[in-house]
C-alpha atoms as a PDB file:
ATOM      1  CA  MET A   1       8.444  67.993 -23.034  1.00  0.00           C
ATOM      2  CA  LYS A   2       6.002  68.941 -25.865  1.00  0.00           C
ATOM      3  CA  TYR A   3       8.213  72.050 -26.738  1.00  0.00           C
ATOM      4  CA  LEU A   4      11.510  70.008 -26.438  1.00  0.00           C
ATOM      5  CA  LEU A   5      10.063  67.717 -28.962  1.00  0.00           C
ATOM      6  CA  ILE A   6       9.280  70.353 -31.292  1.00  0.00           C
ATOM      7  CA  PHE A   7      12.597  71.902 -30.885  1.00  0.00           C
ATOM      8  CA  ILE A   8      14.239  68.625 -31.682  1.00  0.00           C
ATOM      9  CA  LEU A   9      12.114  68.352 -34.736  1.00  0.00           C
ATOM     10  CA  ILE A  10      13.173  71.806 -36.031  1.00  0.00           C
ATOM     11  CA  LEU A  11      16.849  71.056 -35.381  1.00  0.00           C
ATOM     12  CA  PHE A  12      16.472  67.712 -37.230  1.00  0.00           C
ATOM     13  CA  PHE A  13      14.513  69.529 -40.283  1.00  0.00           C
ATOM     14  CA  PHE A  14      17.081  72.077 -40.703  1.00  0.00           C
ATOM     15  CA  GLY A  15      20.132  69.704 -40.381  1.00  0.00           C
ATOM     16  CA  CYS A  16      18.486  67.619 -43.132  1.00  0.00           C
ATOM     17  CA  THR A  17      17.770  70.612 -45.194  1.00  0.00           C
ATOM     18  CA  SER A  18      21.486  71.977 -44.935  1.00  0.00           C
ATOM     19  CA  SER A  19      22.926  68.578 -45.637  1.00  0.00           C
ATOM     20  CA  ASN A  20      20.688  68.159 -48.647  1.00  0.00           C
ATOM     21  CA  GLU A  21      21.599  71.693 -49.963  1.00  0.00           C
ATOM     22  CA  LYS A  22      25.372  71.045 -49.927  1.00  0.00           C
ATOM     23  CA  ASN A  23      26.506  71.114 -53.389  1.00  0.00           C
ATOM     24  CA  MET A  24      27.308  67.712 -54.769  1.00  0.00           C
ATOM     25  CA  PRO A  25      30.314  66.879 -56.948  1.00  0.00           C
ATOM     26  CA  TYR A  26      30.054  66.375 -60.624  1.00  0.00           C
ATOM     27  CA  VAL A  27      32.248  63.233 -60.381  1.00  0.00           C
ATOM     28  CA  ASN A  28      32.942  61.631 -57.030  1.00  0.00           C
ATOM     29  CA  ALA A  29      36.600  61.681 -56.015  1.00  0.00           C
ATOM     30  CA  PRO A  30      37.493  57.845 -56.510  1.00  0.00           C
ATOM     31  CA  ASP A  31      36.257  58.053 -60.189  1.00  0.00           C
ATOM     32  CA  ILE A  32      38.606  61.229 -60.839  1.00  0.00           C
ATOM     33  CA  GLU A  33      41.611  59.299 -59.701  1.00  0.00           C
ATOM     34  CA  LYS A  34      41.052  55.832 -61.034  1.00  0.00           C
ATOM     35  CA  ASN A  35      43.811  56.305 -63.431  1.00  0.00           C
ATOM     36  CA  ILE A  36      45.694  58.812 -65.388  1.00  0.00           C
ATOM     37  CA  MET A  37      43.181  58.888 -68.263  1.00  0.00           C
ATOM     38  CA  SER A  38      40.233  59.302 -65.913  1.00  0.00           C
ATOM     39  CA  TRP A  39      42.064  62.477 -64.564  1.00  0.00           C
ATOM     40  CA  LEU A  40      42.717  64.014 -67.984  1.00  0.00           C
ATOM     41  CA  TYR A  41      39.177  63.364 -69.172  1.00  0.00           C
ATOM     42  CA  TYR A  42      37.889  65.086 -65.863  1.00  0.00           C
ATOM     43  CA  ASP A  43      40.575  67.999 -66.244  1.00  0.00           C
ATOM     44  CA  ARG A  44      39.262  68.525 -69.779  1.00  0.00           C
ATOM     45  CA  ASP A  45      35.504  68.319 -68.843  1.00  0.00           C
ATOM     46  CA  TYR A  46      35.300  69.948 -65.463  1.00  0.00           C
ATOM     47  CA  MET A  47      38.425  72.023 -64.643  1.00  0.00           C
ATOM     48  CA  ASN A  48      38.478  75.719 -65.240  1.00  0.00           C
ATOM     49  CA  TRP A  49      42.049  76.582 -63.911  1.00  0.00           C
ATOM     50  CA  SER A  50      42.015  80.118 -65.184  1.00  0.00           C
ATOM     51  CA  ALA A  51      38.834  81.359 -63.571  1.00  0.00           C
ATOM     52  CA  ASP A  52      37.945  82.823 -60.142  1.00  0.00           C
ATOM     53  CA  CYS A  53      36.452  80.346 -57.690  1.00  0.00           C
ATOM     54  CA  ILE A  54      35.168  79.432 -54.364  1.00  0.00           C
ATOM     55  CA  ALA A  55      37.331  76.840 -52.929  1.00  0.00           C
ATOM     56  CA  TYR A  56      37.048  74.537 -49.783  1.00  0.00           C
ATOM     57  CA  ASN A  57      39.716  72.561 -48.101  1.00  0.00           C
ATOM     58  CA  GLU A  58      39.103  69.027 -47.011  1.00  0.00           C
ATOM     59  CA  HIS A  59      37.495  70.383 -43.705  1.00  0.00           C
ATOM     60  CA  ASP A  60      34.806  72.289 -45.533  1.00  0.00           C
ATOM     61  CA  SER A  61      36.530  75.887 -44.721  1.00  0.00           C
ATOM     62  CA  VAL A  62      36.599  78.325 -47.453  1.00  0.00           C
ATOM     63  CA  ILE A  63      40.306  79.056 -48.935  1.00  0.00           C
ATOM     64  CA  THR A  64      41.514  81.193 -51.490  1.00  0.00           C
ATOM     65  CA  LYS A  65      42.311  80.298 -54.754  1.00  0.00           C
ATOM     66  CA  LYS A  66      45.961  80.732 -54.184  1.00  0.00           C
ATOM     67  CA  GLU A  67      45.934  78.574 -51.117  1.00  0.00           C
ATOM     68  CA  PHE A  68      43.768  75.986 -53.258  1.00  0.00           C
ATOM     69  CA  LEU A  69      46.308  75.767 -55.984  1.00  0.00           C
ATOM     70  CA  LYS A  70      49.225  75.657 -53.315  1.00  0.00           C
ATOM     71  CA  GLN A  71      47.638  72.567 -51.694  1.00  0.00           C
ATOM     72  CA  LEU A  72      47.346  70.902 -54.933  1.00  0.00           C
ATOM     73  CA  THR A  73      51.178  71.398 -55.479  1.00  0.00           C
ATOM     74  CA  THR A  74      51.944  68.986 -52.633  1.00  0.00           C
ATOM     75  CA  GLY A  75      50.419  66.043 -54.795  1.00  0.00           C
ATOM     76  CA  GLU A  76      48.245  65.029 -51.662  1.00  0.00           C
ATOM     77  CA  TYR A  77      44.975  66.443 -52.933  1.00  0.00           C
ATOM     78  CA  ILE A  78      42.737  66.192 -55.860  1.00  0.00           C
ATOM     79  CA  PRO A  79      40.287  69.101 -56.817  1.00  0.00           C
ATOM     80  CA  VAL A  80      36.759  67.894 -56.850  1.00  0.00           C
ATOM     81  CA  ARG A  81      34.319  70.309 -58.902  1.00  0.00           C
ATOM     82  CA  LEU A  82      31.066  70.913 -57.088  1.00  0.00           C
ATOM     83  CA  GLN A  83      27.510  71.554 -58.582  1.00  0.00           C
ATOM     84  CA  SER A  84      26.328  75.142 -58.298  1.00  0.00           C
ATOM     85  CA  LYS A  85      23.033  76.822 -58.632  1.00  0.00           C
ATOM     86  CA  ASP A  86      24.622  79.805 -60.259  1.00  0.00           C
ATOM     87  CA  SER A  87      27.509  80.604 -62.447  1.00  0.00           C
ATOM     88  CA  THR A  88      30.175  80.171 -59.504  1.00  0.00           C
ATOM     89  CA  ILE A  89      32.764  77.729 -60.008  1.00  0.00           C
ATOM     90  CA  GLN A  90      33.320  75.746 -56.773  1.00  0.00           C
ATOM     91  CA  TYR A  91      35.947  73.128 -55.757  1.00  0.00           C
ATOM     92  CA  GLN A  92      36.456  70.723 -52.764  1.00  0.00           C
ATOM     93  CA  LEU A  93      39.989  69.323 -52.028  1.00  0.00           C
ATOM     94  CA  ALA A  94      39.778  65.579 -51.455  1.00  0.00           C
ATOM     95  CA  ILE A  95      42.732  63.282 -50.221  1.00  0.00           C
ATOM     96  CA  ALA A  96      44.631  62.025 -53.173  1.00  0.00           C
ATOM     97  CA  HIS A  97      44.887  58.231 -52.877  1.00  0.00           C
ATOM     98  CA  ASN A  98      46.402  57.541 -56.425  1.00  0.00           C
ATOM     99  CA  ALA A  99      50.066  58.713 -55.947  1.00  0.00           C
ATOM    100  CA  GLU A 100      50.549  58.649 -59.846  1.00  0.00           C
ATOM    101  CA  VAL A 101      47.308  60.818 -60.492  1.00  0.00           C
ATOM    102  CA  GLY A 102      48.277  63.064 -57.535  1.00  0.00           C
ATOM    103  CA  ASN A 103      51.644  63.914 -59.074  1.00  0.00           C
ATOM    104  CA  VAL A 104      50.157  64.785 -62.364  1.00  0.00           C
ATOM    105  CA  ILE A 105      47.842  67.003 -60.668  1.00  0.00           C
ATOM    106  CA  ARG A 106      50.762  68.399 -58.654  1.00  0.00           C
ATOM    107  CA  ASN A 107      52.616  69.461 -62.061  1.00  0.00           C
ATOM    108  CA  LYS A 108      49.492  70.970 -63.329  1.00  0.00           C
ATOM    109  CA  ALA A 109      48.808  73.014 -60.250  1.00  0.00           C
ATOM    110  CA  ILE A 110      52.571  74.307 -60.248  1.00  0.00           C
ATOM    111  CA  ALA A 111      52.135  75.685 -63.824  1.00  0.00           C
ATOM    112  CA  GLU A 112      48.429  77.007 -63.007  1.00  0.00           C
ATOM    113  CA  GLY A 113      49.765  78.695 -59.869  1.00  0.00           C
ATOM    114  CA  HIS A 114      52.398  80.315 -61.785  1.00  0.00           C
ATOM    115  CA  TYR A 115      50.016  81.513 -64.527  1.00  0.00           C
ATOM    116  CA  ASP A 116      47.732  82.881 -61.808  1.00  0.00           C
ATOM    117  CA  SER A 117      50.563  84.790 -60.360  1.00  0.00           C
ATOM    118  CA  MET A 118      50.966  86.607 -63.697  1.00  0.00           C
ATOM    119  CA  ARG A 119      47.561  88.079 -63.546  1.00  0.00           C
ATOM    120  CA  GLY A 120      47.860  91.983 -63.451  1.00  0.00           C
ATOM    121  CA  MET A 121      51.419  91.825 -64.326  1.00  0.00           C
ATOM    122  CA  PRO A 122      52.885  94.225 -66.854  1.00  0.00           C
ATOM    123  CA  LEU A 123      53.891  92.109 -69.988  1.00  0.00           C
ATOM    124  CA  PRO A 124      57.767  91.993 -69.724  1.00  0.00           C
ATOM    125  CA  ASN A 125      59.621  93.735 -72.526  1.00  0.00           C
ATOM    126  CA  PHE A 126      56.637  94.626 -74.507  1.00  0.00           C
ATOM    127  CA  ASN A 127      58.406  95.389 -77.871  1.00  0.00           C
ATOM    128  CA  PHE A 128      58.369  92.848 -80.539  1.00  0.00           C
ATOM    129  CA  LYS A 129      59.376  92.563 -84.109  1.00  0.00           C
ATOM    130  CA  THR A 130      57.069  90.392 -86.573  1.00  0.00           C
ATOM    131  CA  ILE A 131      58.208  88.261 -89.340  1.00  0.00           C
ATOM    132  CA  SER A 132      57.436  91.145 -91.543  1.00  0.00           C
ATOM    133  CA  ASN A 133      59.835  93.371 -89.566  1.00  0.00           C
ATOM    134  CA  GLU A 134      56.847  95.264 -88.150  1.00  0.00           C
ATOM    135  CA  VAL A 135      57.313  96.741 -84.702  1.00  0.00           C
ATOM    136  CA  ILE A 136      54.527  96.064 -82.014  1.00  0.00           C
ATOM    137  CA  ASN A 137      54.326  97.487 -78.686  1.00  0.00           C
ATOM    138  CA  ASN A 138      51.622  99.120 -76.610  1.00  0.00           C
ATOM    139  CA  HIS A 139      53.083 102.725 -77.235  1.00  0.00           C
ATOM    140  CA  ILE A 140      52.821 102.524 -80.959  1.00  0.00           C
ATOM    141  CA  THR A 141      49.233 101.080 -80.787  1.00  0.00           C
ATOM    142  CA  PRO A 142      47.998 102.251 -77.481  1.00  0.00           C
ATOM    143  CA  GLN A 143      44.493 101.140 -76.241  1.00  0.00           C
ATOM    144  CA  LYS A 144      44.676  97.761 -78.108  1.00  0.00           C
ATOM    145  CA  LYS A 145      44.213  94.458 -76.471  1.00  0.00           C
ATOM    146  CA  TYR A 146      46.447  91.535 -77.418  1.00  0.00           C
ATOM    147  CA  VAL A 147      45.417  87.826 -77.609  1.00  0.00           C
ATOM    148  CA  ILE A 148      48.835  85.954 -77.487  1.00  0.00           C
ATOM    149  CA  ASN A 149      49.364  82.433 -78.571  1.00  0.00           C
ATOM    150  CA  CYS A 150      52.667  80.731 -77.476  1.00  0.00           C
ATOM    151  CA  TRP A 151      53.744  78.136 -79.980  1.00  0.00           C
ATOM    152  CA  PHE A 152      56.327  76.480 -81.955  1.00  0.00           C
ATOM    153  CA  ILE A 153      56.586  74.536 -85.252  1.00  0.00           C
ATOM    154  CA  HIS A 154      57.047  70.976 -83.835  1.00  0.00           C
ATOM    155  CA  CYS A 155      54.297  71.274 -81.153  1.00  0.00           C
ATOM    156  CA  LYS A 156      51.593  69.152 -83.018  1.00  0.00           C
ATOM    157  CA  THR A 157      49.065  70.344 -80.353  1.00  0.00           C
ATOM    158  CA  CYS A 158      49.855  73.882 -81.254  1.00  0.00           C
ATOM    159  CA  VAL A 159      49.465  73.287 -85.025  1.00  0.00           C
ATOM    160  CA  ALA A 160      46.181  71.386 -84.265  1.00  0.00           C
ATOM    161  CA  GLU A 161      44.668  74.454 -82.881  1.00  0.00           C
ATOM    162  CA  PHE A 162      45.397  76.786 -85.903  1.00  0.00           C
ATOM    163  CA  PRO A 163      42.017  76.341 -87.435  1.00  0.00           C
ATOM    164  CA  GLN A 164      40.220  77.306 -84.315  1.00  0.00           C
ATOM    165  CA  LEU A 165      42.646  80.421 -83.784  1.00  0.00           C
ATOM    166  CA  ASN A 166      42.052  81.350 -87.431  1.00  0.00           C
ATOM    167  CA  ALA A 167      38.258  81.397 -86.843  1.00  0.00           C
ATOM    168  CA  LEU A 168      38.848  83.773 -83.976  1.00  0.00           C
ATOM    169  CA  VAL A 169      40.716  86.207 -86.063  1.00  0.00           C
ATOM    170  CA  ASP A 170      37.854  86.130 -88.600  1.00  0.00           C
ATOM    171  CA  ALA A 171      35.292  86.507 -85.751  1.00  0.00           C
ATOM    172  CA  TYR A 172      36.832  89.641 -84.376  1.00  0.00           C
ATOM    173  CA  LYS A 173      37.662  91.165 -87.600  1.00  0.00           C
ATOM    174  CA  ASN A 174      35.431  94.016 -86.665  1.00  0.00           C
ATOM    175  CA  ARG A 175      37.079  94.786 -83.464  1.00  0.00           C
ATOM    176  CA  PRO A 176      40.263  97.061 -84.293  1.00  0.00           C
ATOM    177  CA  ASP A 177      40.936  97.238 -80.681  1.00  0.00           C
ATOM    178  CA  ILE A 178      41.862  93.545 -80.445  1.00  0.00           C
ATOM    179  CA  ALA A 179      45.124  92.169 -82.049  1.00  0.00           C
ATOM    180  CA  PHE A 180      46.152  88.359 -82.345  1.00  0.00           C
ATOM    181  CA  LEU A 181      49.838  87.661 -81.927  1.00  0.00           C
ATOM    182  CA  GLY A 182      51.575  84.411 -82.266  1.00  0.00           C
ATOM    183  CA  MET A 183      54.982  84.220 -80.398  1.00  0.00           C
ATOM    184  CA  ALA A 184      56.985  81.332 -81.761  1.00  0.00           C
ATOM    185  CA  PHE A 185      60.242  79.661 -80.792  1.00  0.00           C
ATOM    186  CA  ASP A 186      61.381  79.312 -84.311  1.00  0.00           C
ATOM    187  CA  ARG A 187      63.254  81.726 -86.786  1.00  0.00           C
ATOM    188  CA  ALA A 188      61.365  83.946 -89.264  1.00  0.00           C
ATOM    189  CA  ASP A 189      62.398  82.035 -92.558  1.00  0.00           C
ATOM    190  CA  SER A 190      61.425  78.589 -91.007  1.00  0.00           C
ATOM    191  CA  ILE A 191      58.201  79.922 -89.838  1.00  0.00           C
ATOM    192  CA  LYS A 192      57.510  81.335 -93.440  1.00  0.00           C
ATOM    193  CA  ALA A 193      58.245  78.118 -95.018  1.00  0.00           C
ATOM    194  CA  PHE A 194      56.106  76.162 -92.452  1.00  0.00           C
ATOM    195  CA  LEU A 195      53.257  78.695 -92.955  1.00  0.00           C
ATOM    196  CA  ALA A 196      53.094  77.914 -96.537  1.00  0.00           C
ATOM    197  CA  ASP A 197      51.532  74.457 -95.902  1.00  0.00           C
ATOM    198  CA  HIS A 198      49.891  75.340 -92.443  1.00  0.00           C
ATOM    199  CA  PRO A 199      47.929  78.767 -92.802  1.00  0.00           C
ATOM    200  CA  PHE A 200      47.943  80.887 -89.431  1.00  0.00           C
ATOM    201  CA  LYS A 201      46.225  84.131 -89.379  1.00  0.00           C
ATOM    202  CA  TYR A 202      47.876  85.595 -86.210  1.00  0.00           C
ATOM    203  CA  THR A 203      50.645  88.117 -86.563  1.00  0.00           C
ATOM    204  CA  ILE A 204      53.723  85.963 -85.907  1.00  0.00           C
ATOM    205  CA  ILE A 205      56.528  87.077 -83.677  1.00  0.00           C
ATOM    206  CA  PRO A 206      59.575  84.850 -84.392  1.00  0.00           C
ATOM    207  CA  ASN A 207      62.767  83.989 -82.250  1.00  0.00           C
ATOM    208  CA  LYS A 208      60.816  83.937 -78.744  1.00  0.00           C
ATOM    209  CA  GLU A 209      61.877  80.502 -77.320  1.00  0.00           C
ATOM    210  CA  LYS A 210      64.090  82.451 -74.642  1.00  0.00           C
ATOM    211  CA  TYR A 211      61.434  84.977 -74.000  1.00  0.00           C
ATOM    212  CA  LEU A 212      58.846  82.294 -73.486  1.00  0.00           C
ATOM    213  CA  MET A 213      60.711  79.843 -71.600  1.00  0.00           C
ATOM    214  CA  ASP A 214      62.748  82.117 -69.330  1.00  0.00           C
ATOM    215  CA  THR A 215      61.038  85.515 -69.108  1.00  0.00           C
ATOM    216  CA  LEU A 216      57.451  84.189 -69.179  1.00  0.00           C
ATOM    217  CA  GLN A 217      58.441  80.777 -67.867  1.00  0.00           C
ATOM    218  CA  ILE A 218      55.546  79.238 -69.860  1.00  0.00           C
ATOM    219  CA  MET A 219      55.274  75.432 -68.758  1.00  0.00           C
ATOM    220  CA  GLY A 220      53.297  74.044 -71.506  1.00  0.00           C
ATOM    221  CA  PHE A 221      52.315  74.719 -75.059  1.00  0.00           C
ATOM    222  CA  PRO A 222      50.012  76.008 -76.431  1.00  0.00           C
ATOM    223  CA  THR A 223      49.406  78.479 -73.865  1.00  0.00           C
ATOM    224  CA  GLN A 224      47.432  81.603 -74.540  1.00  0.00           C
ATOM    225  CA  LEU A 225      47.482  85.038 -72.921  1.00  0.00           C
ATOM    226  CA  ILE A 226      45.178  88.108 -72.881  1.00  0.00           C
ATOM    227  CA  VAL A 227      46.910  91.372 -72.550  1.00  0.00           C
ATOM    228  CA  ASP A 228      44.685  94.632 -71.612  1.00  0.00           C
ATOM    229  CA  SER A 229      45.021  98.169 -73.467  1.00  0.00           C
ATOM    230  CA  THR A 230      47.767  99.294 -70.827  1.00  0.00           C
ATOM    231  CA  GLY A 231      50.056  96.271 -71.432  1.00  0.00           C
ATOM    232  CA  HIS A 232      49.095  94.177 -68.325  1.00  0.00           C
ATOM    233  CA  ILE A 233      48.270  90.513 -68.360  1.00  0.00           C
ATOM    234  CA  ILE A 234      44.525  89.833 -67.797  1.00  0.00           C
ATOM    235  CA  ASN A 235      45.010  86.217 -67.606  1.00  0.00           C
ATOM    236  CA  VAL A 236      46.935  83.251 -68.805  1.00  0.00           C
ATOM    237  CA  TYR A 237      45.080  80.210 -70.349  1.00  0.00           C
ATOM    238  CA  SER A 238      46.450  76.564 -70.773  1.00  0.00           C
ATOM    239  CA  ASN A 239      42.997  75.677 -72.227  1.00  0.00           C
ATOM    240  CA  LEU A 240      41.943  77.238 -75.526  1.00  0.00           C
ATOM    241  CA  ASN A 241      38.165  77.260 -74.608  1.00  0.00           C
ATOM    242  CA  GLU A 242      38.677  79.106 -71.398  1.00  0.00           C
ATOM    243  CA  MET A 243      40.592  81.788 -73.531  1.00  0.00           C
ATOM    244  CA  LYS A 244      37.678  81.854 -75.728  1.00  0.00           C
ATOM    245  CA  THR A 245      35.041  82.509 -73.250  1.00  0.00           C
ATOM    246  CA  ALA A 246      37.087  85.186 -71.744  1.00  0.00           C
ATOM    247  CA  LEU A 247      37.617  86.867 -75.010  1.00  0.00           C
ATOM    248  CA  LYS A 248      33.789  87.241 -75.281  1.00  0.00           C
ATOM    249  CA  LYS A 249      33.887  89.493 -72.448  1.00  0.00           C
ATOM    250  CA  LEU A 250      36.430  91.997 -73.726  1.00  0.00           C
END
């Protein structure tokens, strides 16, 4: 009887320890899906869509990032970011109760799933002409990495990021192995007139609406890509801060 009691106490102790050590959410699921704005703020502050992650389904089983994004595309789940003792990014799927928020998450996950599938793929038709008629491809300038910004003149969010993007060009001016390209929908003459009042230090590639929309299937603007020295896509970023963090590792 004495040993049985000790065994029960050991089970109770380790059971409590395991429960206490389980990673807790940064924000509880009901607070994430109160309304669209609560989700948008949460998405901004806690989601890192482009990063590798550890993901759990609603039954606490580990799933791949691909499966995690696939489940989110159903609109039936919300991603709950878990606190971590190290640098790993962890999410738990939770059942969505707000259909409107679930649909917004669904659309986001569809785009991010597509971007995730582009990782490691060669950048299609890597042969571009700038507004100055300079030809850029990974044969003329081998061993160069490219940071690509996808934008268009009438995208207010795109233009609002110009100061940050210009600062990046300045910060990496001593890195000749990194080039910054801006792929835009618009014609060269329209862009030149626009840039007279909106300075942008990226090398601009005009007339790329069809390429961006049909070939790359970019689903939101601005979007950023980083391409390695072999012409393969390292990653795609819908969030500028995520791209800036990745750029520091090049």
